[in-house]
Amino acid sequence: MPKITAQDLHIQRGDDSTVTFVHSDDNGPIDLTGHTIVFESSSAVLTQNALITDAQAGTYTLSFPRGHTAQLPRRSESYRVYYYPSGLTGTRETKFHGYLIIGSD
């Protein structure tokens, strides 16, 4: 069974936030061509498909607009990131999980 990495993310309530990831291993970036990446949160308003910004470099982003983050109380939401190497009809691989920590001033 593949290892699932735990990673907490921090965003500010009421702010626009973008988080960028590079999918890689010891040999460097892993090509994400043909992949669909899904960020699934315990808060439905945050659930989204990631934007693959450079497939060959393994780069993708998640965006959390202020219209969504402003709706959230200061707390943490659990999440999981799923990779679908052949699109949503293919096999799902859980890559990492953790908590999205929503801070406020």
PDB file of N, CA and C in Angstrom:
ATOM      1  N   MET A   1       0.839  -1.179   0.000  1.00  0.00           N
ATOM      2  CA  MET A   1       0.000   0.000   0.000  1.00  0.00           C
ATOM      3  C   MET A   1       0.885   1.244   0.000  1.00  0.00           C
ATOM      4  N   PRO A   2       0.610   2.207  -0.899  1.00  0.00           N
ATOM      5  CA  PRO A   2       1.450   3.409  -0.949  1.00  0.00           C
ATOM      6  C   PRO A   2       1.295   4.256   0.309  1.00  0.00           C
ATOM      7  N   LYS A   3       2.346   4.944   0.647  1.00  0.00           N
ATOM      8  CA  LYS A   3       2.328   5.829   1.796  1.00  0.00           C
ATOM      9  C   LYS A   3       1.520   7.080   1.464  1.00  0.00           C
ATOM     10  N   ILE A   4       0.638   7.481   2.380  1.00  0.00           N
ATOM     11  CA  ILE A   4      -0.154   8.692   2.212  1.00  0.00           C
ATOM     12  C   ILE A   4       0.449   9.747   3.130  1.00  0.00           C
ATOM     13  N   THR A   5       0.862  10.851   2.556  1.00  0.00           N
ATOM     14  CA  THR A   5       1.518  11.914   3.300  1.00  0.00           C
ATOM     15  C   THR A   5       0.493  12.797   4.004  1.00  0.00           C
ATOM     16  N   ALA A   6       0.772  13.149   5.244  1.00  0.00           N
ATOM     17  CA  ALA A   6      -0.063  14.096   5.994  1.00  0.00           C
ATOM     18  C   ALA A   6       0.559  15.478   5.849  1.00  0.00           C
ATOM     19  N   GLN A   7      -0.267  16.454   5.512  1.00  0.00           N
ATOM     20  CA  GLN A   7       0.221  17.819   5.338  1.00  0.00           C
ATOM     21  C   GLN A   7      -0.897  18.785   5.697  1.00  0.00           C
ATOM     22  N   ASP A   8      -0.632  19.702   6.625  1.00  0.00           N
ATOM     23  CA  ASP A   8      -1.607  20.729   6.961  1.00  0.00           C
ATOM     24  C   ASP A   8      -1.339  21.969   6.122  1.00  0.00           C
ATOM     25  N   LEU A   9      -2.424  22.611   5.699  1.00  0.00           N
ATOM     26  CA  LEU A   9      -2.351  23.835   4.905  1.00  0.00           C
ATOM     27  C   LEU A   9      -2.960  24.973   5.723  1.00  0.00           C
ATOM     28  N   HIS A  10      -2.432  26.173   5.572  1.00  0.00           N
ATOM     29  CA  HIS A  10      -2.924  27.332   6.313  1.00  0.00           C
ATOM     30  C   HIS A  10      -3.386  28.402   5.338  1.00  0.00           C
ATOM     31  N   ILE A  11      -4.614  28.903   5.551  1.00  0.00           N
ATOM     32  CA  ILE A  11      -5.125  30.032   4.766  1.00  0.00           C
ATOM     33  C   ILE A  11      -5.752  31.038   5.726  1.00  0.00           C
ATOM     34  N   GLN A  12      -5.962  32.239   5.233  1.00  0.00           N
ATOM     35  CA  GLN A  12      -6.538  33.305   6.044  1.00  0.00           C
ATOM     36  C   GLN A  12      -8.011  33.485   5.678  1.00  0.00           C
ATOM     37  N   ARG A  13      -8.875  33.494   6.654  1.00  0.00           N
ATOM     38  CA  ARG A  13     -10.306  33.688   6.442  1.00  0.00           C
ATOM     39  C   ARG A  13     -10.534  35.029   5.754  1.00  0.00           C
ATOM     40  N   GLY A  14     -11.333  35.044   4.689  1.00  0.00           N
ATOM     41  CA  GLY A  14     -11.672  36.265   3.972  1.00  0.00           C
ATOM     42  C   GLY A  14     -10.640  36.719   2.954  1.00  0.00           C
ATOM     43  N   ASP A  15      -9.563  35.963   2.780  1.00  0.00           N
ATOM     44  CA  ASP A  15      -8.535  36.295   1.787  1.00  0.00           C
ATOM     45  C   ASP A  15      -8.634  35.359   0.595  1.00  0.00           C
ATOM     46  N   ASP A  16      -8.131  35.817  -0.550  1.00  0.00           N
ATOM     47  CA  ASP A  16      -7.901  34.932  -1.684  1.00  0.00           C
ATOM     48  C   ASP A  16      -6.604  34.186  -1.393  1.00  0.00           C
ATOM     49  N   SER A  17      -6.619  32.880  -1.535  1.00  0.00           N
ATOM     50  CA  SER A  17      -5.419  32.081  -1.288  1.00  0.00           C
ATOM     51  C   SER A  17      -5.218  31.084  -2.414  1.00  0.00           C
ATOM     52  N   THR A  18      -3.972  30.948  -2.845  1.00  0.00           N
ATOM     53  CA  THR A  18      -3.603  29.946  -3.845  1.00  0.00           C
ATOM     54  C   THR A  18      -2.419  29.170  -3.297  1.00  0.00           C
ATOM     55  N   VAL A  19      -2.508  27.851  -3.392  1.00  0.00           N
ATOM     56  CA  VAL A  19      -1.441  26.979  -2.924  1.00  0.00           C
ATOM     57  C   VAL A  19      -0.937  26.190  -4.129  1.00  0.00           C
ATOM     58  N   THR A  20       0.377  26.185  -4.338  1.00  0.00           N
ATOM     59  CA  THR A  20       0.981  25.493  -5.474  1.00  0.00           C
ATOM     60  C   THR A  20       1.745  24.269  -4.981  1.00  0.00           C
ATOM     61  N   PHE A  21       1.604  23.169  -5.720  1.00  0.00           N
ATOM     62  CA  PHE A  21       2.266  21.911  -5.385  1.00  0.00           C
ATOM     63  C   PHE A  21       3.074  21.426  -6.579  1.00  0.00           C
ATOM     64  N   VAL A  22       4.152  20.703  -6.304  1.00  0.00           N
ATOM     65  CA  VAL A  22       4.914  20.007  -7.336  1.00  0.00           C
ATOM     66  C   VAL A  22       4.920  18.531  -6.952  1.00  0.00           C
ATOM     67  N   HIS A  23       4.345  17.714  -7.814  1.00  0.00           N
ATOM     68  CA  HIS A  23       4.321  16.262  -7.568  1.00  0.00           C
ATOM     69  C   HIS A  23       5.656  15.703  -8.056  1.00  0.00           C
ATOM     70  N   SER A  24       6.422  15.121  -7.139  1.00  0.00           N
ATOM     71  CA  SER A  24       7.750  14.626  -7.495  1.00  0.00           C
ATOM     72  C   SER A  24       8.119  13.438  -6.611  1.00  0.00           C
ATOM     73  N   ASP A  25       9.207  12.811  -6.984  1.00  0.00           N
ATOM     74  CA  ASP A  25       9.806  11.766  -6.162  1.00  0.00           C
ATOM     75  C   ASP A  25      11.311  12.013  -6.143  1.00  0.00           C
ATOM     76  N   ASP A  26      12.092  11.041  -5.721  1.00  0.00           N
ATOM     77  CA  ASP A  26      13.543  11.219  -5.627  1.00  0.00           C
ATOM     78  C   ASP A  26      14.196  11.516  -6.974  1.00  0.00           C
ATOM     79  N   ASN A  27      13.519  11.185  -8.062  1.00  0.00           N
ATOM     80  CA  ASN A  27      14.066  11.405  -9.406  1.00  0.00           C
ATOM     81  C   ASN A  27      13.630  12.725 -10.021  1.00  0.00           C
ATOM     82  N   GLY A  28      12.829  13.523  -9.303  1.00  0.00           N
ATOM     83  CA  GLY A  28      12.374  14.816  -9.809  1.00  0.00           C
ATOM     84  C   GLY A  28      10.874  14.841 -10.045  1.00  0.00           C
ATOM     85  N   PRO A  29      10.395  15.863 -10.793  1.00  0.00           N
ATOM     86  CA  PRO A  29       8.957  16.021 -11.038  1.00  0.00           C
ATOM     87  C   PRO A  29       8.362  14.834 -11.789  1.00  0.00           C
ATOM     88  N   ILE A  30       7.098  14.542 -11.483  1.00  0.00           N
ATOM     89  CA  ILE A  30       6.365  13.470 -12.151  1.00  0.00           C
ATOM     90  C   ILE A  30       5.345  14.099 -13.089  1.00  0.00           C
ATOM     91  N   ASP A  31       5.340  13.667 -14.330  1.00  0.00           N
ATOM     92  CA  ASP A  31       4.442  14.200 -15.359  1.00  0.00           C
ATOM     93  C   ASP A  31       2.987  13.909 -14.985  1.00  0.00           C
ATOM     94  N   LEU A  32       2.164  14.939 -14.986  1.00  0.00           N
ATOM     95  CA  LEU A  32       0.749  14.817 -14.637  1.00  0.00           C
ATOM     96  C   LEU A  32      -0.166  14.842 -15.866  1.00  0.00           C
ATOM     97  N   THR A  33       0.405  14.676 -17.062  1.00  0.00           N
ATOM     98  CA  THR A  33      -0.405  14.667 -18.272  1.00  0.00           C
ATOM     99  C   THR A  33      -1.487  13.589 -18.164  1.00  0.00           C
ATOM    100  N   GLY A  34      -2.727  13.973 -18.418  1.00  0.00           N
ATOM    101  CA  GLY A  34      -3.853  13.048 -18.361  1.00  0.00           C
ATOM    102  C   GLY A  34      -4.472  12.890 -16.985  1.00  0.00           C
ATOM    103  N   HIS A  35      -3.832  13.443 -15.953  1.00  0.00           N
ATOM    104  CA  HIS A  35      -4.337  13.324 -14.583  1.00  0.00           C
ATOM    105  C   HIS A  35      -5.488  14.304 -14.318  1.00  0.00           C
ATOM    106  N   THR A  36      -6.338  13.920 -13.394  1.00  0.00           N
ATOM    107  CA  THR A  36      -7.281  14.825 -12.745  1.00  0.00           C
ATOM    108  C   THR A  36      -6.953  14.741 -11.260  1.00  0.00           C
ATOM    109  N   ILE A  37      -6.857  15.909 -10.623  1.00  0.00           N
ATOM    110  CA  ILE A  37      -6.523  15.965  -9.206  1.00  0.00           C
ATOM    111  C   ILE A  37      -7.684  16.639  -8.480  1.00  0.00           C
ATOM    112  N   VAL A  38      -8.182  15.979  -7.447  1.00  0.00           N
ATOM    113  CA  VAL A  38      -9.350  16.466  -6.718  1.00  0.00           C
ATOM    114  C   VAL A  38      -8.978  16.743  -5.269  1.00  0.00           C
ATOM    115  N   PHE A  39      -9.319  17.939  -4.805  1.00  0.00           N
ATOM    116  CA  PHE A  39      -9.181  18.335  -3.406  1.00  0.00           C
ATOM    117  C   PHE A  39     -10.568  18.213  -2.801  1.00  0.00           C
ATOM    118  N   GLU A  40     -10.737  17.278  -1.859  1.00  0.00           N
ATOM    119  CA  GLU A  40     -12.037  17.047  -1.236  1.00  0.00           C
ATOM    120  C   GLU A  40     -11.955  17.456   0.226  1.00  0.00           C
ATOM    121  N   SER A  41     -12.809  18.397   0.608  1.00  0.00           N
ATOM    122  CA  SER A  41     -12.783  18.950   1.957  1.00  0.00           C
ATOM    123  C   SER A  41     -14.037  18.581   2.730  1.00  0.00           C
ATOM    124  N   SER A  42     -13.921  18.620   4.061  1.00  0.00           N
ATOM    125  CA  SER A  42     -15.105  18.418   4.893  1.00  0.00           C
ATOM    126  C   SER A  42     -16.062  19.594   4.762  1.00  0.00           C
ATOM    127  N   SER A  43     -15.594  20.714   4.224  1.00  0.00           N
ATOM    128  CA  SER A  43     -16.443  21.852   3.888  1.00  0.00           C
ATOM    129  C   SER A  43     -16.656  21.843   2.374  1.00  0.00           C
ATOM    130  N   ALA A  44     -17.879  21.558   1.945  1.00  0.00           N
ATOM    131  CA  ALA A  44     -18.167  21.390   0.514  1.00  0.00           C
ATOM    132  C   ALA A  44     -17.759  22.594  -0.319  1.00  0.00           C
ATOM    133  N   VAL A  45     -17.818  23.794   0.240  1.00  0.00           N
ATOM    134  CA  VAL A  45     -17.483  24.997  -0.518  1.00  0.00           C
ATOM    135  C   VAL A  45     -16.003  25.016  -0.943  1.00  0.00           C
ATOM    136  N   LEU A  46     -15.165  24.253  -0.271  1.00  0.00           N
ATOM    137  CA  LEU A  46     -13.738  24.214  -0.600  1.00  0.00           C
ATOM    138  C   LEU A  46     -13.365  23.084  -1.561  1.00  0.00           C
ATOM    139  N   THR A  47     -14.250  22.098  -1.750  1.00  0.00           N
ATOM    140  CA  THR A  47     -13.966  20.971  -2.630  1.00  0.00           C
ATOM    141  C   THR A  47     -13.832  21.464  -4.064  1.00  0.00           C
ATOM    142  N   GLN A  48     -12.796  20.969  -4.768  1.00  0.00           N
ATOM    143  CA  GLN A  48     -12.514  21.463  -6.119  1.00  0.00           C
ATOM    144  C   GLN A  48     -11.570  20.526  -6.853  1.00  0.00           C
ATOM    145  N   ASN A  49     -11.528  20.691  -8.176  1.00  0.00           N
ATOM    146  CA  ASN A  49     -10.497  20.064  -8.990  1.00  0.00           C
ATOM    147  C   ASN A  49      -9.317  21.024  -9.025  1.00  0.00           C
ATOM    148  N   ALA A  50      -8.124  20.498  -8.880  1.00  0.00           N
ATOM    149  CA  ALA A  50      -6.924  21.325  -8.960  1.00  0.00           C
ATOM    150  C   ALA A  50      -6.702  21.762 -10.398  1.00  0.00           C
ATOM    151  N   LEU A  51      -6.024  22.878 -10.560  1.00  0.00           N
ATOM    152  CA  LEU A  51      -5.623  23.351 -11.879  1.00  0.00           C
ATOM    153  C   LEU A  51      -4.191  22.893 -12.119  1.00  0.00           C
ATOM    154  N   ILE A  52      -4.007  22.014 -13.091  1.00  0.00           N
ATOM    155  CA  ILE A  52      -2.652  21.570 -13.445  1.00  0.00           C
ATOM    156  C   ILE A  52      -2.043  22.667 -14.299  1.00  0.00           C
ATOM    157  N   THR A  53      -1.028  23.332 -13.768  1.00  0.00           N
ATOM    158  CA  THR A  53      -0.451  24.494 -14.430  1.00  0.00           C
ATOM    159  C   THR A  53       0.721  24.152 -15.344  1.00  0.00           C
ATOM    160  N   ASP A  54       1.423  23.068 -15.070  1.00  0.00           N
ATOM    161  CA  ASP A  54       2.515  22.590 -15.923  1.00  0.00           C
ATOM    162  C   ASP A  54       2.621  21.078 -15.724  1.00  0.00           C
ATOM    163  N   ALA A  55       1.909  20.337 -16.571  1.00  0.00           N
ATOM    164  CA  ALA A  55       1.813  18.883 -16.397  1.00  0.00           C
ATOM    165  C   ALA A  55       3.182  18.204 -16.405  1.00  0.00           C
ATOM    166  N   GLN A  56       4.043  18.580 -17.340  1.00  0.00           N
ATOM    167  CA  GLN A  56       5.349  17.923 -17.436  1.00  0.00           C
ATOM    168  C   GLN A  56       6.234  18.207 -16.230  1.00  0.00           C
ATOM    169  N   ALA A  57       6.044  19.361 -15.597  1.00  0.00           N
ATOM    170  CA  ALA A  57       6.822  19.715 -14.408  1.00  0.00           C
ATOM    171  C   ALA A  57       6.131  19.261 -13.125  1.00  0.00           C
ATOM    172  N   GLY A  58       4.955  18.614 -13.251  1.00  0.00           N
ATOM    173  CA  GLY A  58       4.243  18.099 -12.081  1.00  0.00           C
ATOM    174  C   GLY A  58       3.610  19.164 -11.216  1.00  0.00           C
ATOM    175  N   THR A  59       3.344  20.345 -11.785  1.00  0.00           N
ATOM    176  CA  THR A  59       2.864  21.485 -11.001  1.00  0.00           C
ATOM    177  C   THR A  59       1.352  21.660 -11.109  1.00  0.00           C
ATOM    178  N   TYR A  60       0.715  21.875  -9.948  1.00  0.00           N
ATOM    179  CA  TYR A  60      -0.711  22.186  -9.925  1.00  0.00           C
ATOM    180  C   TYR A  60      -1.020  23.132  -8.766  1.00  0.00           C
ATOM    181  N   THR A  61      -2.173  23.810  -8.862  1.00  0.00           N
ATOM    182  CA  THR A  61      -2.564  24.766  -7.838  1.00  0.00           C
ATOM    183  C   THR A  61      -3.992  24.505  -7.360  1.00  0.00           C
ATOM    184  N   LEU A  62      -4.229  24.933  -6.138  1.00  0.00           N
ATOM    185  CA  LEU A  62      -5.563  24.971  -5.552  1.00  0.00           C
ATOM    186  C   LEU A  62      -5.838  26.426  -5.216  1.00  0.00           C
ATOM    187  N   SER A  63      -7.028  26.905  -5.543  1.00  0.00           N
ATOM    188  CA  SER A  63      -7.387  28.297  -5.269  1.00  0.00           C
ATOM    189  C   SER A  63      -8.579  28.348  -4.331  1.00  0.00           C
ATOM    190  N   PHE A  64      -8.471  29.210  -3.346  1.00  0.00           N
ATOM    191  CA  PHE A  64      -9.521  29.409  -2.364  1.00  0.00           C
ATOM    192  C   PHE A  64      -9.912  30.888  -2.389  1.00  0.00           C
ATOM    193  N   PRO A  65     -10.971  31.237  -3.138  1.00  0.00           N
ATOM    194  CA  PRO A  65     -11.358  32.650  -3.246  1.00  0.00           C
ATOM    195  C   PRO A  65     -11.965  33.184  -1.949  1.00  0.00           C
ATOM    196  N   ARG A  66     -11.809  34.470  -1.742  1.00  0.00           N
ATOM    197  CA  ARG A  66     -12.295  35.093  -0.505  1.00  0.00           C
ATOM    198  C   ARG A  66     -13.795  34.889  -0.295  1.00  0.00           C
ATOM    199  N   GLY A  67     -14.558  34.790  -1.396  1.00  0.00           N
ATOM    200  CA  GLY A  67     -15.988  34.534  -1.270  1.00  0.00           C
ATOM    201  C   GLY A  67     -16.292  33.218  -0.575  1.00  0.00           C
ATOM    202  N   HIS A  68     -15.373  32.260  -0.717  1.00  0.00           N
ATOM    203  CA  HIS A  68     -15.534  30.972  -0.038  1.00  0.00           C
ATOM    204  C   HIS A  68     -14.903  30.992   1.349  1.00  0.00           C
ATOM    205  N   THR A  69     -13.713  31.561   1.455  1.00  0.00           N
ATOM    206  CA  THR A  69     -13.026  31.534   2.748  1.00  0.00           C
ATOM    207  C   THR A  69     -13.723  32.423   3.776  1.00  0.00           C
ATOM    208  N   ALA A  70     -14.406  33.478   3.330  1.00  0.00           N
ATOM    209  CA  ALA A  70     -15.111  34.369   4.260  1.00  0.00           C
ATOM    210  C   ALA A  70     -16.288  33.666   4.928  1.00  0.00           C
ATOM    211  N   GLN A  71     -16.809  32.616   4.307  1.00  0.00           N
ATOM    212  CA  GLN A  71     -17.953  31.874   4.852  1.00  0.00           C
ATOM    213  C   GLN A  71     -17.557  30.939   5.992  1.00  0.00           C
ATOM    214  N   LEU A  72     -16.268  30.714   6.148  1.00  0.00           N
ATOM    215  CA  LEU A  72     -15.792  29.702   7.090  1.00  0.00           C
ATOM    216  C   LEU A  72     -15.478  30.308   8.448  1.00  0.00           C
ATOM    217  N   PRO A  73     -15.865  29.622   9.507  1.00  0.00           N
ATOM    218  CA  PRO A  73     -15.443  30.084  10.829  1.00  0.00           C
ATOM    219  C   PRO A  73     -13.952  29.783  11.019  1.00  0.00           C
ATOM    220  N   ARG A  74     -13.367  30.392  12.014  1.00  0.00           N
ATOM    221  CA  ARG A  74     -11.964  30.103  12.314  1.00  0.00           C
ATOM    222  C   ARG A  74     -11.905  28.711  12.928  1.00  0.00           C
ATOM    223  N   ARG A  75     -11.337  27.782  12.189  1.00  0.00           N
ATOM    224  CA  ARG A  75     -11.224  26.392  12.633  1.00  0.00           C
ATOM    225  C   ARG A  75     -10.424  25.619  11.604  1.00  0.00           C
ATOM    226  N   SER A  76     -10.474  24.320  11.677  1.00  0.00           N
ATOM    227  CA  SER A  76      -9.794  23.509  10.671  1.00  0.00           C
ATOM    228  C   SER A  76     -10.811  22.612   9.972  1.00  0.00           C
ATOM    229  N   GLU A  77     -10.556  22.369   8.716  1.00  0.00           N
ATOM    230  CA  GLU A  77     -11.364  21.476   7.893  1.00  0.00           C
ATOM    231  C   GLU A  77     -10.462  20.326   7.464  1.00  0.00           C
ATOM    232  N   SER A  78     -10.940  19.102   7.529  1.00  0.00           N
ATOM    233  CA  SER A  78     -10.134  17.984   7.041  1.00  0.00           C
ATOM    234  C   SER A  78     -10.228  17.933   5.517  1.00  0.00           C
ATOM    235  N   TYR A  79      -9.188  17.393   4.901  1.00  0.00           N
ATOM    236  CA  TYR A  79      -9.194  17.259   3.448  1.00  0.00           C
ATOM    237  C   TYR A  79      -8.387  16.040   3.022  1.00  0.00           C
ATOM    238  N   ARG A  80      -8.610  15.642   1.783  1.00  0.00           N
ATOM    239  CA  ARG A  80      -7.820  14.609   1.110  1.00  0.00           C
ATOM    240  C   ARG A  80      -7.599  15.069  -0.321  1.00  0.00           C
ATOM    241  N   VAL A  81      -6.457  14.705  -0.876  1.00  0.00           N
ATOM    242  CA  VAL A  81      -6.161  14.974  -2.283  1.00  0.00           C
ATOM    243  C   VAL A  81      -6.073  13.640  -3.002  1.00  0.00           C
ATOM    244  N   TYR A  82      -6.882  13.521  -4.046  1.00  0.00           N
ATOM    245  CA  TYR A  82      -6.943  12.298  -4.839  1.00  0.00           C
ATOM    246  C   TYR A  82      -6.380  12.560  -6.228  1.00  0.00           C
ATOM    247  N   TYR A  83      -5.582  11.633  -6.725  1.00  0.00           N
ATOM    248  CA  TYR A  83      -5.086  11.670  -8.097  1.00  0.00           C
ATOM    249  C   TYR A  83      -5.832  10.610  -8.891  1.00  0.00           C
ATOM    250  N   TYR A  84      -6.272  10.998 -10.064  1.00  0.00           N
ATOM    251  CA  TYR A  84      -6.874  10.073 -11.025  1.00  0.00           C
ATOM    252  C   TYR A  84      -5.966  10.099 -12.252  1.00  0.00           C
ATOM    253  N   PRO A  85      -5.022   9.170 -12.379  1.00  0.00           N
ATOM    254  CA  PRO A  85      -4.054   9.206 -13.476  1.00  0.00           C
ATOM    255  C   PRO A  85      -4.676   9.158 -14.872  1.00  0.00           C
ATOM    256  N   SER A  86      -5.870   8.592 -15.006  1.00  0.00           N
ATOM    257  CA  SER A  86      -6.518   8.505 -16.319  1.00  0.00           C
ATOM    258  C   SER A  86      -7.818   9.293 -16.340  1.00  0.00           C
ATOM    259  N   GLY A  87      -7.895  10.356 -15.583  1.00  0.00           N
ATOM    260  CA  GLY A  87      -9.125  11.123 -15.492  1.00  0.00           C
ATOM    261  C   GLY A  87     -10.069  10.510 -14.469  1.00  0.00           C
ATOM    262  N   LEU A  88     -11.218  11.141 -14.271  1.00  0.00           N
ATOM    263  CA  LEU A  88     -12.142  10.729 -13.216  1.00  0.00           C
ATOM    264  C   LEU A  88     -12.720   9.336 -13.395  1.00  0.00           C
ATOM    265  N   THR A  89     -12.619   8.783 -14.595  1.00  0.00           N
ATOM    266  CA  THR A  89     -13.137   7.431 -14.810  1.00  0.00           C
ATOM    267  C   THR A  89     -12.101   6.367 -14.462  1.00  0.00           C
ATOM    268  N   GLY A  90     -10.875   6.785 -14.184  1.00  0.00           N
ATOM    269  CA  GLY A  90      -9.800   5.843 -13.876  1.00  0.00           C
ATOM    270  C   GLY A  90      -9.704   5.531 -12.399  1.00  0.00           C
ATOM    271  N   THR A  91      -8.633   4.871 -12.028  1.00  0.00           N
ATOM    272  CA  THR A  91      -8.358   4.480 -10.652  1.00  0.00           C
ATOM    273  C   THR A  91      -8.000   5.695  -9.811  1.00  0.00           C
ATOM    274  N   ARG A  92      -8.553   5.758  -8.614  1.00  0.00           N
ATOM    275  CA  ARG A  92      -8.265   6.864  -7.696  1.00  0.00           C
ATOM    276  C   ARG A  92      -7.123   6.478  -6.776  1.00  0.00           C
ATOM    277  N   GLU A  93      -6.168   7.417  -6.577  1.00  0.00           N
ATOM    278  CA  GLU A  93      -5.050   7.221  -5.664  1.00  0.00           C
ATOM    279  C   GLU A  93      -5.062   8.361  -4.645  1.00  0.00           C
ATOM    280  N   THR A  94      -5.180   8.045  -3.359  1.00  0.00           N
ATOM    281  CA  THR A  94      -5.097   9.080  -2.330  1.00  0.00           C
ATOM    282  C   THR A  94      -3.626   9.434  -2.154  1.00  0.00           C
ATOM    283  N   LYS A  95      -3.280  10.701  -2.377  1.00  0.00           N
ATOM    284  CA  LYS A  95      -1.874  11.123  -2.296  1.00  0.00           C
ATOM    285  C   LYS A  95      -1.529  11.754  -0.956  1.00  0.00           C
ATOM    286  N   PHE A  96      -2.387  12.633  -0.439  1.00  0.00           N
ATOM    287  CA  PHE A  96      -2.127  13.171   0.887  1.00  0.00           C
ATOM    288  C   PHE A  96      -3.403  13.685   1.520  1.00  0.00           C
ATOM    289  N   HIS A  97      -3.320  13.927   2.800  1.00  0.00           N
ATOM    290  CA  HIS A  97      -4.463  14.388   3.577  1.00  0.00           C
ATOM    291  C   HIS A  97      -3.955  15.268   4.698  1.00  0.00           C
ATOM    292  N   GLY A  98      -4.860  15.916   5.363  1.00  0.00           N
ATOM    293  CA  GLY A  98      -4.484  16.749   6.494  1.00  0.00           C
ATOM    294  C   GLY A  98      -5.613  17.666   6.874  1.00  0.00           C
ATOM    295  N   TYR A  99      -5.234  18.806   7.425  1.00  0.00           N
ATOM    296  CA  TYR A  99      -6.201  19.812   7.839  1.00  0.00           C
ATOM    297  C   TYR A  99      -5.894  21.126   7.151  1.00  0.00           C
ATOM    298  N   LEU A 100      -6.948  21.781   6.726  1.00  0.00           N
ATOM    299  CA  LEU A 100      -6.861  23.139   6.208  1.00  0.00           C
ATOM    300  C   LEU A 100      -7.195  24.042   7.393  1.00  0.00           C
ATOM    301  N   ILE A 101      -6.194  24.772   7.864  1.00  0.00           N
ATOM    302  CA  ILE A 101      -6.356  25.628   9.036  1.00  0.00           C
ATOM    303  C   ILE A 101      -6.784  27.009   8.556  1.00  0.00           C
ATOM    304  N   ILE A 102      -7.940  27.473   9.015  1.00  0.00           N
ATOM    305  CA  ILE A 102      -8.463  28.769   8.615  1.00  0.00           C
ATOM    306  C   ILE A 102      -8.205  29.739   9.750  1.00  0.00           C
ATOM    307  N   GLY A 103      -7.347  30.716   9.497  1.00  0.00           N
ATOM    308  CA  GLY A 103      -6.995  31.698  10.513  1.00  0.00           C
ATOM    309  C   GLY A 103      -7.752  32.997  10.288  1.00  0.00           C
ATOM    310  N   SER A 104      -7.792  33.828  11.302  1.00  0.00           N
ATOM    311  CA  SER A 104      -8.381  35.166  11.179  1.00  0.00           C
ATOM    312  C   SER A 104      -7.574  36.113  12.029  1.00  0.00           C
ATOM    313  N   ASP A 105      -7.740  37.387  11.757  1.00  0.00           N
ATOM    314  CA  ASP A 105      -6.980  38.392  12.521  1.00  0.00           C
ATOM    315  C   ASP A 105      -7.431  38.489  13.945  1.00  0.00           C
TER     316      ASP A 105
END
